[in-house]
Amino acid sequence: MQLLGKLVIKSRDKIIQFLNNEHTGRISSIDKNGYPQIIPMNFVFINDSIYMHSHTKGEKLDNIRQDSKVGFEVDRNLEFLPSYFFDPKDASLADTLYISVVIKGKAIIINDVKEKVLALNELMKKYQPEGKYDLMNENMEVLRAVAVIKIIPNEINGKYKIGQNMSIEERSRLAENILNKNSKTARDTLEIMGFGVNDGKPVLKTDEEW
């Protein structure tokens, strides 16, 4: 229980920042036979809600119409930690560094044209930040051919594992192992862990908790 408490993201700002930076989320709804349906989606978090666009027909829309309770999950796998980082013989010590956010809430299919335009323009801003397109407006015929789903959260819970349960010495040794393994994501992972790199060595910059 002590470790579980340390895995909780305490900062709402950190959660929002994470959601704004990630490109794929997964919506879970319940189908007519009572099974969960999970679909990866592009999304944007604005006005304390999740917005997604969709075709106007489909199983997830049918599910939402019959039961508006949904789940939504976003995660980032930061780094797989091979067991030999900790013990050359004990395979059970293999681990993963990660960040995840899970939302429970109510899904609505938006009919208000102004809100649809807002959501679609914000999605474009997120996924095509370089611009080079005309903003959507309320008179566009394309609005009839697209559905916008809004999730109003009842709960937002974040978890992360970046070595915060370790001592400074253990974290520094882990950071060095990650850097030496030379994975494509090593420097990004070290940045999230609070380390910079100087002369090929990890250097702790901040011990700030999430």
N, C-alpha and C. Protein backbone atom coordinates (compact mmCIF):
# COMPACT_ATOMS: atom_id res chain seq x y z
N MET A 1 0.83 -1.21 0.00
CA MET A 1 0.00 0.00 0.00
C MET A 1 0.87 1.26 0.00
N GLN A 2 2.01 1.20 0.66
CA GLN A 2 2.89 2.37 0.72
C GLN A 2 3.40 2.72 -0.68
N LEU A 3 3.78 1.69 -1.47
CA LEU A 3 4.26 1.93 -2.82
C LEU A 3 3.14 2.44 -3.71
N LEU A 4 1.94 1.89 -3.57
CA LEU A 4 0.82 2.32 -4.40
C LEU A 4 0.55 3.81 -4.23
N GLY A 5 0.66 4.31 -3.01
CA GLY A 5 0.46 5.73 -2.76
C GLY A 5 1.48 6.59 -3.48
N LYS A 6 2.70 6.08 -3.59
CA LYS A 6 3.76 6.84 -4.25
C LYS A 6 3.58 6.86 -5.77
N LEU A 7 2.75 5.98 -6.30
CA LEU A 7 2.54 5.92 -7.75
C LEU A 7 1.49 6.92 -8.24
N VAL A 8 0.77 7.54 -7.32
CA VAL A 8 -0.32 8.44 -7.70
C VAL A 8 0.24 9.78 -8.17
N ILE A 9 -0.26 10.27 -9.33
CA ILE A 9 0.09 11.62 -9.79
C ILE A 9 -0.74 12.60 -8.97
N LYS A 10 -0.08 13.43 -8.19
CA LYS A 10 -0.78 14.31 -7.26
C LYS A 10 -1.18 15.63 -7.91
N SER A 11 -0.48 16.02 -8.95
CA SER A 11 -0.70 17.33 -9.57
C SER A 11 -1.70 17.24 -10.73
N ARG A 12 -2.81 17.95 -10.62
CA ARG A 12 -3.77 17.99 -11.72
C ARG A 12 -3.15 18.65 -12.95
N ASP A 13 -2.31 19.65 -12.72
CA ASP A 13 -1.64 20.31 -13.85
C ASP A 13 -0.77 19.33 -14.63
N LYS A 14 -0.09 18.42 -13.91
CA LYS A 14 0.73 17.41 -14.57
C LYS A 14 -0.14 16.47 -15.41
N ILE A 15 -1.30 16.11 -14.87
CA ILE A 15 -2.22 15.23 -15.60
C ILE A 15 -2.68 15.91 -16.89
N ILE A 16 -3.07 17.18 -16.78
CA ILE A 16 -3.55 17.91 -17.95
C ILE A 16 -2.43 18.07 -18.98
N GLN A 17 -1.24 18.37 -18.50
CA GLN A 17 -0.08 18.49 -19.40
C GLN A 17 0.16 17.17 -20.13
N PHE A 18 0.07 16.07 -19.41
CA PHE A 18 0.26 14.76 -20.02
C PHE A 18 -0.79 14.50 -21.09
N LEU A 19 -2.06 14.76 -20.78
CA LEU A 19 -3.13 14.56 -21.75
C LEU A 19 -2.93 15.42 -22.99
N ASN A 20 -2.47 16.63 -22.80
CA ASN A 20 -2.26 17.53 -23.94
C ASN A 20 -1.11 17.07 -24.84
N ASN A 21 -0.17 16.33 -24.27
CA ASN A 21 1.01 15.90 -25.03
C ASN A 21 0.83 14.56 -25.73
N GLU A 22 -0.15 13.77 -25.29
CA GLU A 22 -0.34 12.44 -25.87
C GLU A 22 -1.32 12.47 -27.03
N HIS A 23 -1.13 11.57 -27.97
CA HIS A 23 -1.91 11.60 -29.20
C HIS A 23 -2.95 10.48 -29.31
N THR A 24 -2.84 9.44 -28.50
CA THR A 24 -3.79 8.33 -28.60
C THR A 24 -4.37 8.00 -27.24
N GLY A 25 -5.70 7.98 -27.19
CA GLY A 25 -6.40 7.53 -25.99
C GLY A 25 -7.31 6.38 -26.34
N ARG A 26 -7.86 5.71 -25.35
CA ARG A 26 -8.73 4.56 -25.59
C ARG A 26 -10.03 4.74 -24.83
N ILE A 27 -11.13 4.71 -25.59
CA ILE A 27 -12.44 4.82 -24.99
C ILE A 27 -13.02 3.43 -24.81
N SER A 28 -13.58 3.19 -23.64
CA SER A 28 -14.20 1.90 -23.34
C SER A 28 -15.69 2.12 -23.07
N SER A 29 -16.52 1.46 -23.86
CA SER A 29 -17.98 1.52 -23.66
C SER A 29 -18.51 0.09 -23.56
N ILE A 30 -19.75 -0.05 -23.16
CA ILE A 30 -20.35 -1.37 -22.96
C ILE A 30 -21.32 -1.66 -24.10
N ASP A 31 -21.12 -2.82 -24.78
CA ASP A 31 -21.98 -3.13 -25.92
C ASP A 31 -23.30 -3.76 -25.46
N LYS A 32 -24.15 -4.08 -26.43
CA LYS A 32 -25.50 -4.56 -26.11
C LYS A 32 -25.50 -5.91 -25.39
N ASN A 33 -24.38 -6.64 -25.48
CA ASN A 33 -24.28 -7.93 -24.81
C ASN A 33 -23.54 -7.84 -23.47
N GLY A 34 -23.21 -6.60 -23.06
CA GLY A 34 -22.57 -6.40 -21.78
C GLY A 34 -21.06 -6.50 -21.77
N TYR A 35 -20.46 -6.60 -22.98
CA TYR A 35 -19.01 -6.68 -23.07
C TYR A 35 -18.40 -5.29 -23.26
N PRO A 36 -17.22 -5.05 -22.69
CA PRO A 36 -16.56 -3.77 -22.95
C PRO A 36 -15.99 -3.74 -24.36
N GLN A 37 -16.16 -2.61 -25.03
CA GLN A 37 -15.53 -2.37 -26.33
C GLN A 37 -14.50 -1.26 -26.14
N ILE A 38 -13.26 -1.52 -26.53
CA ILE A 38 -12.17 -0.55 -26.35
C ILE A 38 -11.63 -0.17 -27.71
N ILE A 39 -11.58 1.15 -27.98
CA ILE A 39 -11.16 1.65 -29.29
C ILE A 39 -10.14 2.77 -29.10
N PRO A 40 -9.01 2.71 -29.82
CA PRO A 40 -8.06 3.84 -29.78
C PRO A 40 -8.60 5.02 -30.56
N MET A 41 -8.40 6.23 -30.02
CA MET A 41 -8.96 7.43 -30.64
C MET A 41 -8.00 8.61 -30.51
N ASN A 42 -8.02 9.50 -31.52
CA ASN A 42 -7.46 10.83 -31.34
C ASN A 42 -8.37 11.60 -30.39
N PHE A 43 -7.80 12.53 -29.62
CA PHE A 43 -8.62 13.24 -28.64
C PHE A 43 -7.98 14.58 -28.31
N VAL A 44 -8.78 15.44 -27.70
CA VAL A 44 -8.26 16.69 -27.16
C VAL A 44 -8.95 16.94 -25.81
N PHE A 45 -8.20 17.50 -24.86
CA PHE A 45 -8.75 17.81 -23.54
C PHE A 45 -8.91 19.32 -23.43
N ILE A 46 -10.15 19.78 -23.44
CA ILE A 46 -10.44 21.21 -23.30
C ILE A 46 -11.66 21.40 -22.41
N ASN A 47 -11.69 22.51 -21.70
CA ASN A 47 -12.82 22.83 -20.83
C ASN A 47 -13.16 21.68 -19.89
N ASP A 48 -12.10 21.03 -19.37
CA ASP A 48 -12.26 19.92 -18.42
C ASP A 48 -13.00 18.72 -18.99
N SER A 49 -12.97 18.54 -20.30
CA SER A 49 -13.63 17.41 -20.93
C SER A 49 -12.76 16.85 -22.06
N ILE A 50 -13.00 15.60 -22.38
CA ILE A 50 -12.36 14.94 -23.52
C ILE A 50 -13.28 15.06 -24.73
N TYR A 51 -12.72 15.44 -25.87
CA TYR A 51 -13.48 15.47 -27.12
C TYR A 51 -12.80 14.57 -28.15
N MET A 52 -13.63 13.84 -28.92
CA MET A 52 -13.15 13.00 -30.01
C MET A 52 -14.09 13.15 -31.20
N HIS A 53 -13.58 12.89 -32.40
CA HIS A 53 -14.47 12.89 -33.57
C HIS A 53 -14.62 11.47 -34.08
N SER A 54 -15.71 11.22 -34.79
CA SER A 54 -16.04 9.86 -35.19
C SER A 54 -16.93 9.90 -36.43
N HIS A 55 -17.06 8.75 -37.11
CA HIS A 55 -18.11 8.61 -38.11
C HIS A 55 -19.46 8.74 -37.41
N THR A 56 -20.48 9.04 -38.17
CA THR A 56 -21.81 9.27 -37.57
C THR A 56 -22.53 7.98 -37.21
N LYS A 57 -22.01 6.85 -37.69
CA LYS A 57 -22.60 5.56 -37.34
C LYS A 57 -21.49 4.63 -36.87
N GLY A 58 -21.83 3.76 -35.93
CA GLY A 58 -20.82 2.82 -35.44
C GLY A 58 -21.20 2.25 -34.08
N GLU A 59 -20.53 1.17 -33.71
CA GLU A 59 -20.89 0.47 -32.48
C GLU A 59 -20.67 1.32 -31.25
N LYS A 60 -19.58 2.08 -31.21
CA LYS A 60 -19.32 2.87 -30.00
C LYS A 60 -20.41 3.92 -29.78
N LEU A 61 -20.93 4.50 -30.87
CA LEU A 61 -22.02 5.46 -30.73
C LEU A 61 -23.30 4.77 -30.23
N ASP A 62 -23.57 3.57 -30.76
CA ASP A 62 -24.72 2.81 -30.27
C ASP A 62 -24.57 2.49 -28.79
N ASN A 63 -23.33 2.11 -28.41
CA ASN A 63 -23.09 1.80 -26.99
C ASN A 63 -23.35 3.00 -26.10
N ILE A 64 -22.87 4.16 -26.53
CA ILE A 64 -23.03 5.38 -25.73
C ILE A 64 -24.49 5.76 -25.61
N ARG A 65 -25.25 5.55 -26.67
CA ARG A 65 -26.69 5.89 -26.61
C ARG A 65 -27.43 5.01 -25.63
N GLN A 66 -26.99 3.76 -25.47
CA GLN A 66 -27.70 2.87 -24.53
C GLN A 66 -27.15 2.97 -23.11
N ASP A 67 -25.87 3.37 -22.98
CA ASP A 67 -25.27 3.51 -21.65
C ASP A 67 -24.15 4.55 -21.75
N SER A 68 -24.37 5.69 -21.15
CA SER A 68 -23.43 6.80 -21.30
C SER A 68 -22.18 6.66 -20.42
N LYS A 69 -22.15 5.68 -19.53
CA LYS A 69 -20.98 5.49 -18.68
C LYS A 69 -19.84 4.90 -19.50
N VAL A 70 -18.69 5.58 -19.48
CA VAL A 70 -17.54 5.12 -20.26
C VAL A 70 -16.26 5.25 -19.44
N GLY A 71 -15.23 4.58 -19.92
CA GLY A 71 -13.89 4.78 -19.41
C GLY A 71 -13.03 5.34 -20.52
N PHE A 72 -11.97 6.03 -20.14
CA PHE A 72 -11.02 6.57 -21.11
C PHE A 72 -9.64 6.48 -20.51
N GLU A 73 -8.67 5.98 -21.30
CA GLU A 73 -7.33 5.74 -20.78
C GLU A 73 -6.27 6.22 -21.75
N VAL A 74 -5.23 6.84 -21.19
CA VAL A 74 -4.07 7.30 -21.97
C VAL A 74 -2.83 6.85 -21.23
N ASP A 75 -1.86 6.30 -21.96
CA ASP A 75 -0.64 5.87 -21.29
C ASP A 75 0.57 6.12 -22.18
N ARG A 76 1.73 6.18 -21.53
CA ARG A 76 3.00 6.26 -22.24
C ARG A 76 3.97 5.28 -21.59
N ASN A 77 4.43 4.32 -22.38
CA ASN A 77 5.44 3.38 -21.92
C ASN A 77 6.79 4.04 -22.08
N LEU A 78 7.42 4.40 -20.97
CA LEU A 78 8.66 5.16 -21.03
C LEU A 78 9.87 4.29 -21.31
N GLU A 79 9.99 3.19 -20.57
CA GLU A 79 11.22 2.40 -20.68
C GLU A 79 11.01 1.03 -20.06
N PHE A 80 11.36 -0.02 -20.81
CA PHE A 80 11.41 -1.35 -20.22
C PHE A 80 12.75 -1.50 -19.50
N LEU A 81 12.68 -2.00 -18.26
CA LEU A 81 13.88 -2.19 -17.44
C LEU A 81 14.19 -3.68 -17.39
N PRO A 82 15.22 -4.13 -18.11
CA PRO A 82 15.55 -5.55 -18.07
C PRO A 82 15.96 -5.99 -16.68
N SER A 83 15.71 -7.26 -16.38
CA SER A 83 15.97 -7.77 -15.03
C SER A 83 17.44 -7.64 -14.64
N TYR A 84 18.35 -7.70 -15.62
CA TYR A 84 19.77 -7.65 -15.28
C TYR A 84 20.22 -6.27 -14.81
N PHE A 85 19.37 -5.25 -14.94
CA PHE A 85 19.67 -3.96 -14.30
C PHE A 85 19.79 -4.12 -12.78
N PHE A 86 19.06 -5.11 -12.25
CA PHE A 86 18.96 -5.27 -10.80
C PHE A 86 19.64 -6.54 -10.30
N ASP A 87 19.52 -7.63 -11.08
CA ASP A 87 20.12 -8.91 -10.69
C ASP A 87 20.27 -9.75 -11.94
N PRO A 88 21.47 -10.24 -12.24
CA PRO A 88 21.68 -11.00 -13.48
C PRO A 88 20.98 -12.35 -13.52
N LYS A 89 20.41 -12.79 -12.39
CA LYS A 89 19.80 -14.12 -12.35
C LYS A 89 18.29 -14.11 -12.10
N ASP A 90 17.76 -13.00 -11.60
CA ASP A 90 16.35 -12.98 -11.16
C ASP A 90 15.47 -12.28 -12.20
N ALA A 91 14.82 -13.07 -13.06
CA ALA A 91 13.99 -12.50 -14.13
C ALA A 91 12.76 -11.76 -13.59
N SER A 92 12.36 -12.06 -12.37
CA SER A 92 11.15 -11.44 -11.83
C SER A 92 11.33 -9.94 -11.56
N LEU A 93 12.56 -9.45 -11.62
CA LEU A 93 12.83 -8.04 -11.32
C LEU A 93 12.67 -7.13 -12.54
N ALA A 94 12.40 -7.71 -13.71
CA ALA A 94 12.13 -6.89 -14.89
C ALA A 94 10.94 -5.97 -14.60
N ASP A 95 10.99 -4.75 -15.10
CA ASP A 95 9.97 -3.75 -14.75
C ASP A 95 9.78 -2.78 -15.91
N THR A 96 8.87 -1.86 -15.76
CA THR A 96 8.60 -0.85 -16.78
C THR A 96 8.36 0.50 -16.12
N LEU A 97 8.94 1.54 -16.67
CA LEU A 97 8.62 2.91 -16.28
C LEU A 97 7.49 3.40 -17.17
N TYR A 98 6.51 4.10 -16.59
CA TYR A 98 5.33 4.48 -17.37
C TYR A 98 4.63 5.69 -16.74
N ILE A 99 3.73 6.27 -17.52
CA ILE A 99 2.77 7.26 -17.04
C ILE A 99 1.41 6.86 -17.60
N SER A 100 0.36 6.95 -16.79
CA SER A 100 -0.98 6.64 -17.30
C SER A 100 -2.03 7.49 -16.60
N VAL A 101 -3.09 7.76 -17.33
CA VAL A 101 -4.24 8.48 -16.78
C VAL A 101 -5.51 7.72 -17.15
N VAL A 102 -6.36 7.48 -16.16
CA VAL A 102 -7.63 6.77 -16.38
C VAL A 102 -8.77 7.68 -15.96
N ILE A 103 -9.75 7.79 -16.85
CA ILE A 103 -10.91 8.65 -16.61
C ILE A 103 -12.17 7.80 -16.60
N LYS A 104 -13.04 8.03 -15.65
CA LYS A 104 -14.39 7.46 -15.64
C LYS A 104 -15.36 8.62 -15.78
N GLY A 105 -16.33 8.48 -16.68
CA GLY A 105 -17.23 9.60 -16.87
C GLY A 105 -18.43 9.27 -17.72
N LYS A 106 -19.06 10.33 -18.17
CA LYS A 106 -20.29 10.23 -18.97
C LYS A 106 -20.00 10.73 -20.38
N ALA A 107 -20.38 9.93 -21.37
CA ALA A 107 -20.16 10.31 -22.77
C ALA A 107 -21.44 10.89 -23.36
N ILE A 108 -21.27 11.95 -24.15
CA ILE A 108 -22.38 12.63 -24.82
C ILE A 108 -22.03 12.77 -26.30
N ILE A 109 -22.99 12.54 -27.16
CA ILE A 109 -22.82 12.83 -28.58
C ILE A 109 -23.30 14.25 -28.81
N ILE A 110 -22.39 15.12 -29.21
CA ILE A 110 -22.68 16.56 -29.28
C ILE A 110 -23.53 16.90 -30.51
N ASN A 111 -24.62 17.63 -30.26
CA ASN A 111 -25.48 18.12 -31.35
C ASN A 111 -25.32 19.62 -31.58
N ASP A 112 -24.87 20.33 -30.55
CA ASP A 112 -24.71 21.77 -30.68
C ASP A 112 -23.60 22.09 -31.69
N VAL A 113 -23.94 22.84 -32.73
CA VAL A 113 -23.00 23.10 -33.83
C VAL A 113 -21.79 23.89 -33.34
N LYS A 114 -22.00 24.87 -32.50
CA LYS A 114 -20.89 25.69 -32.00
C LYS A 114 -19.89 24.82 -31.24
N GLU A 115 -20.38 23.91 -30.41
CA GLU A 115 -19.49 23.05 -29.63
C GLU A 115 -18.75 22.07 -30.53
N LYS A 116 -19.45 21.58 -31.57
CA LYS A 116 -18.78 20.68 -32.53
C LYS A 116 -17.63 21.41 -33.23
N VAL A 117 -17.88 22.63 -33.65
CA VAL A 117 -16.85 23.41 -34.34
C VAL A 117 -15.67 23.67 -33.41
N LEU A 118 -15.97 24.03 -32.16
CA LEU A 118 -14.92 24.26 -31.19
C LEU A 118 -14.04 23.02 -31.04
N ALA A 119 -14.68 21.85 -30.84
CA ALA A 119 -13.94 20.62 -30.63
C ALA A 119 -13.10 20.25 -31.84
N LEU A 120 -13.67 20.36 -33.04
CA LEU A 120 -12.95 19.98 -34.25
C LEU A 120 -11.78 20.92 -34.52
N ASN A 121 -11.95 22.20 -34.26
CA ASN A 121 -10.85 23.15 -34.45
C ASN A 121 -9.73 22.90 -33.42
N GLU A 122 -10.11 22.55 -32.20
CA GLU A 122 -9.09 22.26 -31.19
C GLU A 122 -8.35 20.96 -31.51
N LEU A 123 -9.05 19.98 -32.07
CA LEU A 123 -8.39 18.75 -32.52
C LEU A 123 -7.37 19.06 -33.61
N MET A 124 -7.76 19.91 -34.58
CA MET A 124 -6.83 20.28 -35.64
C MET A 124 -5.62 21.02 -35.09
N LYS A 125 -5.87 21.91 -34.12
CA LYS A 125 -4.77 22.67 -33.52
C LYS A 125 -3.77 21.73 -32.84
N LYS A 126 -4.28 20.68 -32.20
CA LYS A 126 -3.41 19.73 -31.51
C LYS A 126 -2.62 18.87 -32.48
N TYR A 127 -3.30 18.35 -33.50
CA TYR A 127 -2.66 17.36 -34.37
C TYR A 127 -1.98 17.97 -35.60
N GLN A 128 -2.33 19.21 -35.92
CA GLN A 128 -1.65 19.89 -37.03
C GLN A 128 -1.23 21.28 -36.57
N PRO A 129 -0.30 21.35 -35.62
CA PRO A 129 0.08 22.64 -35.02
C PRO A 129 0.73 23.59 -36.02
N GLU A 130 1.24 23.05 -37.13
CA GLU A 130 1.85 23.92 -38.14
C GLU A 130 0.82 24.72 -38.93
N GLY A 131 -0.48 24.46 -38.69
CA GLY A 131 -1.53 25.21 -39.40
C GLY A 131 -1.71 24.73 -40.81
N LYS A 132 -1.76 25.69 -41.77
CA LYS A 132 -1.93 25.39 -43.20
C LYS A 132 -3.30 24.78 -43.49
N TYR A 133 -4.33 25.30 -42.83
CA TYR A 133 -5.71 24.91 -43.10
C TYR A 133 -6.62 26.05 -42.69
N ASP A 134 -7.83 26.06 -43.23
CA ASP A 134 -8.84 27.04 -42.85
C ASP A 134 -9.62 26.52 -41.65
N LEU A 135 -9.87 27.39 -40.70
CA LEU A 135 -10.66 26.99 -39.54
C LEU A 135 -12.06 26.57 -39.97
N MET A 136 -12.62 25.59 -39.28
CA MET A 136 -14.00 25.17 -39.54
C MET A 136 -14.95 26.23 -39.01
N ASN A 137 -16.12 26.29 -39.64
CA ASN A 137 -17.15 27.21 -39.16
C ASN A 137 -18.50 26.52 -39.17
N GLU A 138 -19.47 27.18 -38.59
CA GLU A 138 -20.77 26.55 -38.36
C GLU A 138 -21.57 26.30 -39.64
N ASN A 139 -21.15 26.85 -40.76
CA ASN A 139 -21.90 26.70 -42.00
C ASN A 139 -21.38 25.57 -42.89
N MET A 140 -20.36 24.89 -42.44
CA MET A 140 -19.75 23.85 -43.26
C MET A 140 -20.63 22.60 -43.32
N GLU A 141 -20.80 22.09 -44.52
CA GLU A 141 -21.62 20.90 -44.74
C GLU A 141 -20.99 19.66 -44.11
N VAL A 142 -19.65 19.67 -43.98
CA VAL A 142 -18.94 18.51 -43.45
C VAL A 142 -19.35 18.19 -42.01
N LEU A 143 -19.89 19.16 -41.31
CA LEU A 143 -20.30 18.93 -39.92
C LEU A 143 -21.40 17.87 -39.81
N ARG A 144 -22.17 17.71 -40.89
CA ARG A 144 -23.23 16.70 -40.89
C ARG A 144 -22.65 15.29 -41.00
N ALA A 145 -21.42 15.19 -41.50
CA ALA A 145 -20.82 13.89 -41.78
C ALA A 145 -19.88 13.42 -40.67
N VAL A 146 -19.82 14.18 -39.59
CA VAL A 146 -18.92 13.82 -38.50
C VAL A 146 -19.66 13.91 -37.17
N ALA A 147 -19.38 12.96 -36.29
CA ALA A 147 -19.92 13.01 -34.93
C ALA A 147 -18.82 13.46 -33.98
N VAL A 148 -19.20 14.17 -32.94
CA VAL A 148 -18.26 14.57 -31.90
C VAL A 148 -18.74 13.99 -30.58
N ILE A 149 -17.83 13.25 -29.94
CA ILE A 149 -18.12 12.63 -28.65
C ILE A 149 -17.43 13.44 -27.55
N LYS A 150 -18.15 13.73 -26.50
CA LYS A 150 -17.62 14.45 -25.35
C LYS A 150 -17.69 13.55 -24.13
N ILE A 151 -16.60 13.46 -23.41
CA ILE A 151 -16.59 12.73 -22.14
C ILE A 151 -16.45 13.74 -21.00
N ILE A 152 -17.44 13.76 -20.14
CA ILE A 152 -17.41 14.61 -18.95
C ILE A 152 -16.92 13.75 -17.79
N PRO A 153 -15.73 14.01 -17.28
CA PRO A 153 -15.16 13.13 -16.24
C PRO A 153 -15.88 13.23 -14.91
N ASN A 154 -16.08 12.08 -14.29
CA ASN A 154 -16.46 12.02 -12.89
C ASN A 154 -15.23 11.79 -12.02
N GLU A 155 -14.28 11.03 -12.57
CA GLU A 155 -13.01 10.77 -11.88
C GLU A 155 -11.87 10.86 -12.88
N ILE A 156 -10.77 11.46 -12.46
CA ILE A 156 -9.54 11.46 -13.25
C ILE A 156 -8.42 11.01 -12.32
N ASN A 157 -7.82 9.87 -12.63
CA ASN A 157 -6.76 9.32 -11.79
C ASN A 157 -5.51 9.08 -12.62
N GLY A 158 -4.37 9.53 -12.12
CA GLY A 158 -3.11 9.34 -12.81
C GLY A 158 -2.15 8.52 -11.98
N LYS A 159 -1.36 7.69 -12.67
CA LYS A 159 -0.31 6.92 -12.02
C LYS A 159 0.97 7.06 -12.84
N TYR A 160 2.09 6.99 -12.14
CA TYR A 160 3.37 7.07 -12.84
C TYR A 160 4.41 6.27 -12.07
N LYS A 161 5.38 5.75 -12.82
CA LYS A 161 6.47 5.02 -12.20
C LYS A 161 7.74 5.44 -12.89
N ILE A 162 8.52 6.28 -12.23
CA ILE A 162 9.76 6.79 -12.82
C ILE A 162 10.92 6.67 -11.82
N GLY A 163 10.78 5.69 -10.91
CA GLY A 163 11.82 5.47 -9.91
C GLY A 163 11.66 6.31 -8.67
N GLN A 164 10.48 6.91 -8.48
CA GLN A 164 10.28 7.80 -7.33
C GLN A 164 10.27 7.03 -6.01
N ASN A 165 10.11 5.70 -6.07
CA ASN A 165 10.14 4.88 -4.86
C ASN A 165 11.56 4.50 -4.45
N MET A 166 12.55 4.92 -5.26
CA MET A 166 13.95 4.55 -5.00
C MET A 166 14.69 5.66 -4.27
N SER A 167 15.82 5.30 -3.69
CA SER A 167 16.71 6.31 -3.12
C SER A 167 17.39 7.07 -4.26
N ILE A 168 17.98 8.22 -3.94
CA ILE A 168 18.70 9.00 -4.95
C ILE A 168 19.79 8.16 -5.61
N GLU A 169 20.51 7.39 -4.81
CA GLU A 169 21.59 6.56 -5.34
C GLU A 169 21.05 5.50 -6.30
N GLU A 170 19.95 4.85 -5.92
CA GLU A 170 19.34 3.82 -6.77
C GLU A 170 18.82 4.43 -8.07
N ARG A 171 18.20 5.58 -7.97
CA ARG A 171 17.67 6.24 -9.16
C ARG A 171 18.79 6.66 -10.09
N SER A 172 19.88 7.16 -9.51
CA SER A 172 21.02 7.58 -10.33
C SER A 172 21.63 6.38 -11.06
N ARG A 173 21.73 5.26 -10.36
CA ARG A 173 22.27 4.05 -10.98
C ARG A 173 21.34 3.56 -12.08
N LEU A 174 20.02 3.64 -11.83
CA LEU A 174 19.05 3.25 -12.85
C LEU A 174 19.16 4.16 -14.07
N ALA A 175 19.27 5.46 -13.84
CA ALA A 175 19.40 6.41 -14.94
C ALA A 175 20.64 6.11 -15.78
N GLU A 176 21.72 5.75 -15.12
CA GLU A 176 22.95 5.43 -15.84
C GLU A 176 22.78 4.16 -16.67
N ASN A 177 22.11 3.16 -16.12
CA ASN A 177 21.84 1.93 -16.87
C ASN A 177 20.98 2.19 -18.10
N ILE A 178 19.96 3.04 -17.93
CA ILE A 178 19.09 3.37 -19.06
C ILE A 178 19.88 4.08 -20.14
N LEU A 179 20.72 5.01 -19.74
CA LEU A 179 21.53 5.75 -20.71
C LEU A 179 22.51 4.83 -21.42
N ASN A 180 23.15 3.95 -20.68
CA ASN A 180 24.12 3.03 -21.27
C ASN A 180 23.47 2.03 -22.21
N LYS A 181 22.22 1.68 -21.93
CA LYS A 181 21.48 0.77 -22.82
C LYS A 181 21.22 1.43 -24.16
N ASN A 182 21.23 2.79 -24.14
CA ASN A 182 21.14 3.59 -25.36
C ASN A 182 19.86 3.32 -26.14
N SER A 183 18.73 3.21 -25.43
CA SER A 183 17.47 3.09 -26.13
C SER A 183 17.14 4.41 -26.80
N LYS A 184 16.26 4.36 -27.78
CA LYS A 184 15.90 5.56 -28.53
C LYS A 184 15.23 6.61 -27.65
N THR A 185 14.65 6.16 -26.55
CA THR A 185 13.90 7.07 -25.68
C THR A 185 14.66 7.44 -24.41
N ALA A 186 15.93 7.02 -24.29
CA ALA A 186 16.66 7.16 -23.02
C ALA A 186 16.69 8.58 -22.50
N ARG A 187 17.07 9.55 -23.36
CA ARG A 187 17.20 10.93 -22.87
C ARG A 187 15.84 11.52 -22.49
N ASP A 188 14.79 11.18 -23.23
CA ASP A 188 13.46 11.65 -22.86
C ASP A 188 13.04 11.07 -21.51
N THR A 189 13.33 9.78 -21.32
CA THR A 189 13.00 9.13 -20.05
C THR A 189 13.75 9.78 -18.89
N LEU A 190 15.04 10.03 -19.09
CA LEU A 190 15.84 10.66 -18.04
C LEU A 190 15.32 12.05 -17.70
N GLU A 191 14.86 12.79 -18.72
CA GLU A 191 14.30 14.12 -18.49
C GLU A 191 13.08 14.03 -17.58
N ILE A 192 12.21 13.07 -17.83
CA ILE A 192 11.02 12.88 -17.01
C ILE A 192 11.40 12.45 -15.60
N MET A 193 12.46 11.66 -15.49
CA MET A 193 12.94 11.20 -14.17
C MET A 193 13.63 12.32 -13.40
N GLY A 194 13.91 13.45 -14.07
CA GLY A 194 14.54 14.58 -13.39
C GLY A 194 16.04 14.68 -13.62
N PHE A 195 16.55 13.94 -14.63
CA PHE A 195 17.99 13.93 -14.90
C PHE A 195 18.31 14.65 -16.21
N GLY A 196 19.43 15.34 -16.21
CA GLY A 196 20.04 15.81 -17.44
C GLY A 196 21.22 14.90 -17.76
N VAL A 197 21.90 15.21 -18.85
CA VAL A 197 23.09 14.43 -19.22
C VAL A 197 24.25 15.39 -19.42
N ASN A 198 25.34 15.12 -18.72
CA ASN A 198 26.54 15.96 -18.81
C ASN A 198 27.76 15.06 -18.95
N ASP A 199 28.51 15.26 -20.03
CA ASP A 199 29.69 14.43 -20.31
C ASP A 199 29.34 12.95 -20.34
N GLY A 200 28.17 12.64 -20.92
CA GLY A 200 27.76 11.25 -21.06
C GLY A 200 27.29 10.60 -19.79
N LYS A 201 27.07 11.41 -18.72
CA LYS A 201 26.63 10.87 -17.43
C LYS A 201 25.32 11.54 -17.01
N PRO A 202 24.39 10.78 -16.43
CA PRO A 202 23.16 11.40 -15.92
C PRO A 202 23.43 12.25 -14.68
N VAL A 203 22.82 13.43 -14.64
CA VAL A 203 22.98 14.35 -13.51
C VAL A 203 21.59 14.75 -13.03
N LEU A 204 21.31 14.53 -11.75
CA LEU A 204 20.01 14.85 -11.20
C LEU A 204 19.80 16.36 -11.19
N LYS A 205 18.73 16.82 -11.86
CA LYS A 205 18.42 18.24 -11.91
C LYS A 205 17.33 18.62 -10.91
N THR A 206 16.36 17.74 -10.74
CA THR A 206 15.25 18.04 -9.84
C THR A 206 14.71 16.75 -9.27
N ASP A 207 14.25 16.81 -8.04
CA ASP A 207 13.62 15.66 -7.39
C ASP A 207 12.13 15.96 -7.16
N GLU A 208 11.58 16.79 -8.02
CA GLU A 208 10.19 17.21 -7.88
C GLU A 208 9.24 16.04 -8.10
N GLU A 209 8.25 15.89 -7.25
CA GLU A 209 7.24 14.84 -7.41
C GLU A 209 6.16 15.29 -8.36
N TRP A 210 5.55 14.33 -9.03
CA TRP A 210 4.43 14.63 -9.91
C TRP A 210 3.17 14.87 -9.09
